[in-house]
Amino acid sequence: MKDLIAKRYIKALAKTASEAELREIAESLGKLAGAYKVAKFREIVESPYVEQKKKTEFVLEN
């Protein structure tokens, strides 16, 4: 299910974003994937006890 949703977003993004924007997005997603390998990062992002706003702030500042 998640794959189908992701594919829809990717197709829409590819149609609307410039090549430079796509490179920037890919770089950001690569950094996020790297951070996700850190156990403490995963704990915070996946925790049901941390507010969504706090998770967003945490991801954007790191």
N, C-alpha and C. Protein backbone atom coordinates (compact mmCIF):
# COMPACT_ATOMS: atom_id res chain seq x y z
N MET A 1 0.82 -1.20 0.00
CA MET A 1 0.00 0.00 0.00
C MET A 1 0.87 1.26 0.00
N LYS A 2 1.88 1.27 0.87
CA LYS A 2 2.76 2.44 0.94
C LYS A 2 3.49 2.65 -0.39
N ASP A 3 3.86 1.55 -1.04
CA ASP A 3 4.56 1.66 -2.32
C ASP A 3 3.69 2.33 -3.37
N LEU A 4 2.41 1.98 -3.38
CA LEU A 4 1.50 2.57 -4.36
C LEU A 4 1.34 4.07 -4.14
N ILE A 5 1.23 4.45 -2.89
CA ILE A 5 1.11 5.88 -2.55
C ILE A 5 2.39 6.61 -2.93
N ALA A 6 3.52 6.02 -2.60
CA ALA A 6 4.81 6.64 -2.91
C ALA A 6 4.97 6.82 -4.42
N LYS A 7 4.58 5.83 -5.20
CA LYS A 7 4.70 5.93 -6.65
C LYS A 7 3.85 7.06 -7.21
N ARG A 8 2.68 7.26 -6.66
CA ARG A 8 1.83 8.36 -7.12
C ARG A 8 2.49 9.71 -6.85
N TYR A 9 3.05 9.85 -5.66
CA TYR A 9 3.71 11.11 -5.31
C TYR A 9 4.95 11.33 -6.18
N ILE A 10 5.69 10.28 -6.43
CA ILE A 10 6.89 10.40 -7.25
C ILE A 10 6.53 10.81 -8.67
N LYS A 11 5.51 10.20 -9.23
CA LYS A 11 5.09 10.55 -10.59
C LYS A 11 4.65 12.01 -10.66
N ALA A 12 3.86 12.45 -9.69
CA ALA A 12 3.40 13.84 -9.67
C ALA A 12 4.57 14.80 -9.50
N LEU A 13 5.50 14.44 -8.64
CA LEU A 13 6.67 15.29 -8.40
C LEU A 13 7.53 15.38 -9.66
N ALA A 14 7.73 14.25 -10.32
CA ALA A 14 8.54 14.24 -11.54
C ALA A 14 7.93 15.09 -12.64
N LYS A 15 6.62 15.17 -12.68
CA LYS A 15 5.94 15.96 -13.71
C LYS A 15 6.02 17.46 -13.43
N THR A 16 6.10 17.84 -12.15
CA THR A 16 5.99 19.25 -11.80
C THR A 16 7.30 19.91 -11.41
N ALA A 17 8.27 19.15 -10.95
CA ALA A 17 9.53 19.74 -10.46
C ALA A 17 10.57 19.83 -11.57
N SER A 18 11.42 20.82 -11.47
CA SER A 18 12.52 20.95 -12.43
C SER A 18 13.60 19.94 -12.08
N GLU A 19 14.54 19.78 -12.98
CA GLU A 19 15.64 18.84 -12.74
C GLU A 19 16.45 19.25 -11.52
N ALA A 20 16.67 20.53 -11.36
CA ALA A 20 17.43 21.03 -10.20
C ALA A 20 16.68 20.75 -8.91
N GLU A 21 15.37 20.96 -8.93
CA GLU A 21 14.55 20.69 -7.74
C GLU A 21 14.56 19.21 -7.41
N LEU A 22 14.51 18.36 -8.43
CA LEU A 22 14.54 16.92 -8.20
C LEU A 22 15.88 16.49 -7.59
N ARG A 23 16.97 17.10 -8.04
CA ARG A 23 18.28 16.79 -7.44
C ARG A 23 18.32 17.19 -5.98
N GLU A 24 17.79 18.37 -5.68
CA GLU A 24 17.77 18.86 -4.30
C GLU A 24 16.91 17.95 -3.41
N ILE A 25 15.79 17.52 -3.92
CA ILE A 25 14.90 16.62 -3.18
C ILE A 25 15.59 15.28 -2.94
N ALA A 26 16.25 14.77 -3.98
CA ALA A 26 16.95 13.49 -3.85
C ALA A 26 18.06 13.58 -2.80
N GLU A 27 18.76 14.71 -2.78
CA GLU A 27 19.82 14.91 -1.78
C GLU A 27 19.24 14.94 -0.37
N SER A 28 18.14 15.64 -0.20
CA SER A 28 17.49 15.71 1.12
C SER A 28 17.00 14.34 1.57
N LEU A 29 16.42 13.60 0.65
CA LEU A 29 15.95 12.26 0.99
C LEU A 29 17.10 11.32 1.32
N GLY A 30 18.22 11.51 0.66
CA GLY A 30 19.42 10.72 0.97
C GLY A 30 19.92 10.99 2.37
N LYS A 31 19.91 12.27 2.77
CA LYS A 31 20.32 12.63 4.13
C LYS A 31 19.36 12.02 5.15
N LEU A 32 18.08 12.08 4.84
CA LEU A 32 17.08 11.52 5.74
C LEU A 32 17.26 10.00 5.87
N ALA A 33 17.54 9.34 4.76
CA ALA A 33 17.77 7.89 4.79
C ALA A 33 18.99 7.56 5.65
N GLY A 34 20.02 8.39 5.55
CA GLY A 34 21.22 8.18 6.37
C GLY A 34 20.93 8.37 7.85
N ALA A 35 20.14 9.39 8.16
CA ALA A 35 19.78 9.64 9.56
C ALA A 35 18.94 8.51 10.12
N TYR A 36 18.13 7.91 9.27
CA TYR A 36 17.24 6.84 9.71
C TYR A 36 18.01 5.59 10.15
N LYS A 37 19.28 5.51 9.78
CA LYS A 37 20.12 4.38 10.21
C LYS A 37 20.55 4.51 11.67
N VAL A 38 20.39 5.70 12.24
CA VAL A 38 20.77 5.96 13.64
C VAL A 38 19.58 5.57 14.53
N ALA A 39 19.83 4.68 15.47
CA ALA A 39 18.76 4.14 16.32
C ALA A 39 18.01 5.23 17.09
N LYS A 40 18.72 6.19 17.64
CA LYS A 40 18.08 7.25 18.43
C LYS A 40 17.15 8.09 17.54
N PHE A 41 17.56 8.35 16.32
CA PHE A 41 16.73 9.10 15.37
C PHE A 41 15.43 8.33 15.11
N ARG A 42 15.55 7.04 14.83
CA ARG A 42 14.36 6.20 14.59
C ARG A 42 13.44 6.19 15.80
N GLU A 43 14.01 6.10 17.00
CA GLU A 43 13.19 6.09 18.22
C GLU A 43 12.34 7.35 18.32
N ILE A 44 12.94 8.48 18.05
CA ILE A 44 12.22 9.75 18.15
C ILE A 44 11.15 9.86 17.07
N VAL A 45 11.52 9.56 15.84
CA VAL A 45 10.61 9.72 14.71
C VAL A 45 9.43 8.73 14.78
N GLU A 46 9.67 7.54 15.30
CA GLU A 46 8.62 6.52 15.35
C GLU A 46 7.83 6.52 16.66
N SER A 47 8.25 7.31 17.62
CA SER A 47 7.61 7.31 18.93
C SER A 47 6.19 7.88 18.88
N PRO A 48 5.24 7.16 19.46
CA PRO A 48 3.88 7.69 19.54
C PRO A 48 3.74 8.75 20.64
N TYR A 49 4.78 8.91 21.45
CA TYR A 49 4.73 9.84 22.57
C TYR A 49 5.29 11.23 22.23
N VAL A 50 5.90 11.35 21.06
CA VAL A 50 6.45 12.63 20.62
C VAL A 50 5.45 13.24 19.63
N GLU A 51 5.09 14.50 19.86
CA GLU A 51 4.12 15.18 19.00
C GLU A 51 4.67 15.31 17.58
N GLN A 52 3.77 15.27 16.62
CA GLN A 52 4.15 15.38 15.21
C GLN A 52 4.93 16.67 14.94
N LYS A 53 4.51 17.76 15.56
CA LYS A 53 5.19 19.05 15.38
C LYS A 53 6.63 18.96 15.85
N LYS A 54 6.85 18.31 16.98
CA LYS A 54 8.21 18.17 17.52
C LYS A 54 9.07 17.28 16.61
N LYS A 55 8.46 16.25 16.07
CA LYS A 55 9.19 15.37 15.14
C LYS A 55 9.61 16.15 13.91
N THR A 56 8.72 16.95 13.38
CA THR A 56 9.02 17.75 12.20
C THR A 56 10.16 18.72 12.49
N GLU A 57 10.10 19.40 13.61
CA GLU A 57 11.15 20.32 14.01
C GLU A 57 12.50 19.60 14.13
N PHE A 58 12.46 18.43 14.74
CA PHE A 58 13.67 17.63 14.95
C PHE A 58 14.30 17.25 13.61
N VAL A 59 13.49 16.79 12.69
CA VAL A 59 14.01 16.37 11.38
C VAL A 59 14.57 17.57 10.61
N LEU A 60 13.87 18.68 10.64
CA LEU A 60 14.30 19.85 9.87
C LEU A 60 15.57 20.50 10.43
N GLU A 61 15.81 20.36 11.72
CA GLU A 61 17.00 21.01 12.29
C GLU A 61 18.22 20.11 12.19
N ASN A 62 18.07 18.86 11.85
CA ASN A 62 19.22 17.94 11.77
C ASN A 62 19.56 17.57 10.36
